[in-house]
């Protein structure tokens, strides 16, 4: 789990995520790109991103909560 702060125009470059990620916009607005599909995420909105290529850009000053979901392994 992590808190992400983005200023307007600030970007998180494209990266490969091997698991699902939940993003909750606490404040502001961002553009999230998942596997080439760009969507807007506004205050108090949530997106569940499938594994794949992920990038983000601040539209306004934004604070987000990111939670990475790893598959449950009964062996652990």
N, C-alpha and C. Protein backbone atom coordinates (compact mmCIF):
# COMPACT_ATOMS: atom_id res chain seq x y z
N UNK A 1 0.86 -1.17 0.00
CA UNK A 1 0.00 0.00 0.00
C UNK A 1 0.91 1.23 0.00
N UNK A 2 0.52 2.23 -0.78
CA UNK A 2 1.31 3.47 -0.82
C UNK A 2 0.43 4.65 -1.14
N UNK A 3 0.87 5.81 -0.67
CA UNK A 3 0.22 7.08 -1.00
C UNK A 3 1.01 7.70 -2.15
N UNK A 4 0.29 8.15 -3.17
CA UNK A 4 0.91 8.74 -4.35
C UNK A 4 0.43 10.18 -4.45
N UNK A 5 1.38 11.11 -4.60
CA UNK A 5 1.04 12.52 -4.82
C UNK A 5 1.53 12.91 -6.20
N UNK A 6 0.64 13.52 -6.98
CA UNK A 6 1.00 14.00 -8.31
C UNK A 6 0.59 15.46 -8.46
N UNK A 7 1.47 16.25 -9.03
CA UNK A 7 1.17 17.64 -9.38
C UNK A 7 0.59 17.65 -10.80
N UNK A 8 -0.07 18.72 -11.21
CA UNK A 8 -0.58 18.80 -12.58
C UNK A 8 0.55 18.58 -13.59
N UNK A 9 0.34 17.67 -14.53
CA UNK A 9 1.34 17.37 -15.55
C UNK A 9 2.41 16.39 -15.12
N UNK A 10 2.51 16.09 -13.83
CA UNK A 10 3.51 15.13 -13.36
C UNK A 10 3.09 13.72 -13.77
N UNK A 11 4.07 12.92 -14.20
CA UNK A 11 3.76 11.59 -14.74
C UNK A 11 4.49 10.49 -13.98
N UNK A 12 3.83 9.36 -13.91
CA UNK A 12 4.48 8.12 -13.51
C UNK A 12 4.63 7.34 -14.82
N UNK A 13 5.87 7.08 -15.23
CA UNK A 13 6.09 6.43 -16.52
C UNK A 13 5.49 5.03 -16.56
N UNK A 14 5.26 4.55 -17.76
CA UNK A 14 4.69 3.23 -17.96
C UNK A 14 5.55 2.16 -17.29
N UNK A 15 4.89 1.28 -16.55
CA UNK A 15 5.61 0.18 -15.90
C UNK A 15 4.75 -1.08 -15.97
N UNK A 16 5.40 -2.22 -15.91
CA UNK A 16 4.71 -3.51 -15.97
C UNK A 16 4.31 -3.92 -14.55
N UNK A 17 3.01 -4.16 -14.34
CA UNK A 17 2.51 -4.65 -13.06
C UNK A 17 2.08 -6.10 -13.26
N UNK A 18 2.56 -6.98 -12.39
CA UNK A 18 2.25 -8.40 -12.51
C UNK A 18 1.01 -8.82 -11.73
N UNK A 19 0.42 -7.88 -11.00
CA UNK A 19 -0.78 -8.18 -10.23
C UNK A 19 -1.77 -7.02 -10.38
N UNK A 20 -2.98 -7.23 -9.90
CA UNK A 20 -3.98 -6.16 -9.92
C UNK A 20 -3.58 -5.07 -8.94
N UNK A 21 -3.99 -3.83 -9.26
CA UNK A 21 -3.74 -2.70 -8.37
C UNK A 21 -5.04 -1.91 -8.24
N UNK A 22 -5.38 -1.56 -7.01
CA UNK A 22 -6.54 -0.72 -6.74
C UNK A 22 -6.03 0.69 -6.49
N UNK A 23 -6.60 1.68 -7.18
CA UNK A 23 -6.27 3.08 -6.93
C UNK A 23 -7.53 3.80 -6.47
N UNK A 24 -7.42 4.50 -5.36
CA UNK A 24 -8.49 5.33 -4.83
C UNK A 24 -8.00 6.77 -4.86
N UNK A 25 -8.70 7.62 -5.59
CA UNK A 25 -8.35 9.04 -5.64
C UNK A 25 -8.89 9.71 -4.38
N UNK A 26 -8.00 10.14 -3.52
CA UNK A 26 -8.39 10.81 -2.28
C UNK A 26 -8.70 12.27 -2.53
N UNK A 27 -7.95 12.86 -3.47
CA UNK A 27 -8.12 14.28 -3.79
C UNK A 27 -7.60 14.52 -5.20
N UNK A 28 -8.27 15.39 -5.96
CA UNK A 28 -7.80 15.77 -7.29
C UNK A 28 -8.29 14.86 -8.39
N UNK A 29 -7.60 14.95 -9.54
CA UNK A 29 -7.97 14.17 -10.72
C UNK A 29 -6.70 13.73 -11.45
N UNK A 30 -6.69 12.48 -11.89
CA UNK A 30 -5.56 11.92 -12.63
C UNK A 30 -6.07 11.19 -13.87
N UNK A 31 -5.18 10.98 -14.81
CA UNK A 31 -5.44 10.12 -15.96
C UNK A 31 -4.61 8.85 -15.75
N UNK A 32 -5.29 7.71 -15.79
CA UNK A 32 -4.63 6.42 -15.61
C UNK A 32 -4.71 5.68 -16.94
N UNK A 33 -3.57 5.15 -17.37
CA UNK A 33 -3.53 4.35 -18.59
C UNK A 33 -3.17 2.92 -18.21
N UNK A 34 -4.09 1.99 -18.55
CA UNK A 34 -3.88 0.57 -18.28
C UNK A 34 -3.96 -0.18 -19.60
N UNK A 35 -2.85 -0.81 -19.97
CA UNK A 35 -2.79 -1.57 -21.22
C UNK A 35 -3.29 -0.75 -22.42
N UNK A 36 -2.88 0.53 -22.45
CA UNK A 36 -3.19 1.40 -23.58
C UNK A 36 -4.53 2.11 -23.49
N UNK A 37 -5.36 1.79 -22.50
CA UNK A 37 -6.66 2.44 -22.34
C UNK A 37 -6.56 3.53 -21.27
N UNK A 38 -6.82 4.77 -21.67
CA UNK A 38 -6.70 5.92 -20.76
C UNK A 38 -8.07 6.28 -20.19
N UNK A 39 -8.14 6.39 -18.86
CA UNK A 39 -9.38 6.76 -18.18
C UNK A 39 -9.09 7.84 -17.14
N UNK A 40 -10.08 8.68 -16.89
CA UNK A 40 -9.97 9.69 -15.85
C UNK A 40 -10.41 9.12 -14.52
N UNK A 41 -9.73 9.52 -13.47
CA UNK A 41 -10.07 9.10 -12.12
C UNK A 41 -10.17 10.35 -11.26
N UNK A 42 -11.37 10.63 -10.76
CA UNK A 42 -11.61 11.83 -9.96
C UNK A 42 -11.75 11.50 -8.48
N UNK A 43 -11.84 12.56 -7.70
CA UNK A 43 -11.94 12.44 -6.25
C UNK A 43 -13.01 11.43 -5.83
N UNK A 44 -12.63 10.54 -4.93
CA UNK A 44 -13.48 9.48 -4.37
C UNK A 44 -13.88 8.41 -5.38
N UNK A 45 -13.16 8.35 -6.49
CA UNK A 45 -13.40 7.28 -7.46
C UNK A 45 -12.31 6.22 -7.31
N UNK A 46 -12.65 5.00 -7.72
CA UNK A 46 -11.75 3.86 -7.60
C UNK A 46 -11.61 3.19 -8.96
N UNK A 47 -10.42 2.70 -9.24
CA UNK A 47 -10.19 1.86 -10.41
C UNK A 47 -9.44 0.62 -9.94
N UNK A 48 -9.83 -0.53 -10.48
CA UNK A 48 -9.10 -1.78 -10.25
C UNK A 48 -8.41 -2.11 -11.56
N UNK A 49 -7.09 -1.97 -11.56
CA UNK A 49 -6.31 -2.17 -12.79
C UNK A 49 -5.86 -3.62 -12.89
N UNK A 50 -6.13 -4.22 -14.03
CA UNK A 50 -5.67 -5.59 -14.31
C UNK A 50 -4.15 -5.59 -14.44
N UNK A 51 -3.50 -6.74 -14.29
CA UNK A 51 -2.06 -6.82 -14.55
C UNK A 51 -1.74 -6.34 -15.96
N UNK A 52 -0.64 -5.65 -16.11
CA UNK A 52 -0.23 -5.17 -17.43
C UNK A 52 0.54 -3.88 -17.34
N UNK A 53 0.55 -3.12 -18.44
CA UNK A 53 1.28 -1.85 -18.49
C UNK A 53 0.42 -0.75 -17.88
N UNK A 54 1.03 -0.01 -16.97
CA UNK A 54 0.31 1.02 -16.22
C UNK A 54 1.11 2.32 -16.23
N UNK A 55 0.41 3.45 -16.44
CA UNK A 55 1.02 4.77 -16.36
C UNK A 55 -0.01 5.73 -15.76
N UNK A 56 0.45 6.87 -15.27
CA UNK A 56 -0.45 7.82 -14.62
C UNK A 56 0.05 9.24 -14.84
N UNK A 57 -0.89 10.19 -14.92
CA UNK A 57 -0.54 11.61 -15.07
C UNK A 57 -1.50 12.45 -14.24
N UNK A 58 -0.95 13.38 -13.48
CA UNK A 58 -1.78 14.29 -12.70
C UNK A 58 -2.46 15.31 -13.59
N UNK A 59 -3.78 15.45 -13.43
CA UNK A 59 -4.52 16.49 -14.15
C UNK A 59 -4.60 17.73 -13.25
N UNK A 60 -4.91 17.50 -11.98
CA UNK A 60 -4.85 18.53 -10.95
C UNK A 60 -3.96 17.98 -9.84
N UNK A 61 -3.64 18.79 -8.84
CA UNK A 61 -2.88 18.28 -7.69
C UNK A 61 -3.68 17.13 -7.09
N UNK A 62 -3.05 15.97 -6.97
CA UNK A 62 -3.77 14.76 -6.60
C UNK A 62 -3.06 13.95 -5.53
N UNK A 63 -3.87 13.29 -4.72
CA UNK A 63 -3.41 12.31 -3.73
C UNK A 63 -4.19 11.03 -3.98
N UNK A 64 -3.48 9.92 -4.10
CA UNK A 64 -4.12 8.63 -4.34
C UNK A 64 -3.59 7.59 -3.36
N UNK A 65 -4.41 6.60 -3.11
CA UNK A 65 -4.01 5.43 -2.37
C UNK A 65 -3.89 4.29 -3.36
N UNK A 66 -2.74 3.63 -3.41
CA UNK A 66 -2.53 2.49 -4.30
C UNK A 66 -2.34 1.23 -3.49
N UNK A 67 -3.10 0.19 -3.83
CA UNK A 67 -3.01 -1.09 -3.11
C UNK A 67 -2.77 -2.18 -4.14
N UNK A 68 -1.64 -2.86 -4.02
CA UNK A 68 -1.31 -3.95 -4.93
C UNK A 68 -1.91 -5.24 -4.38
N UNK A 69 -2.63 -5.97 -5.23
CA UNK A 69 -3.30 -7.21 -4.83
C UNK A 69 -2.51 -8.39 -5.40
N UNK A 70 -1.92 -9.15 -4.52
CA UNK A 70 -1.17 -10.33 -4.94
C UNK A 70 -2.05 -11.56 -4.77
N UNK A 71 -1.93 -12.52 -5.68
CA UNK A 71 -2.74 -13.74 -5.57
C UNK A 71 -2.47 -14.46 -4.25
N UNK A 72 -3.49 -15.04 -3.71
CA UNK A 72 -3.40 -15.81 -2.47
C UNK A 72 -2.69 -17.12 -2.76
N UNK A 73 -1.68 -17.45 -1.96
CA UNK A 73 -0.94 -18.69 -2.13
C UNK A 73 -1.15 -19.54 -0.87
N UNK A 74 -1.86 -20.62 -1.01
CA UNK A 74 -2.18 -21.49 0.14
C UNK A 74 -0.93 -22.13 0.73
N UNK A 75 0.15 -22.16 -0.03
CA UNK A 75 1.39 -22.79 0.43
C UNK A 75 2.13 -21.94 1.47
N UNK A 76 1.90 -20.65 1.48
CA UNK A 76 2.64 -19.75 2.38
C UNK A 76 2.08 -19.77 3.76
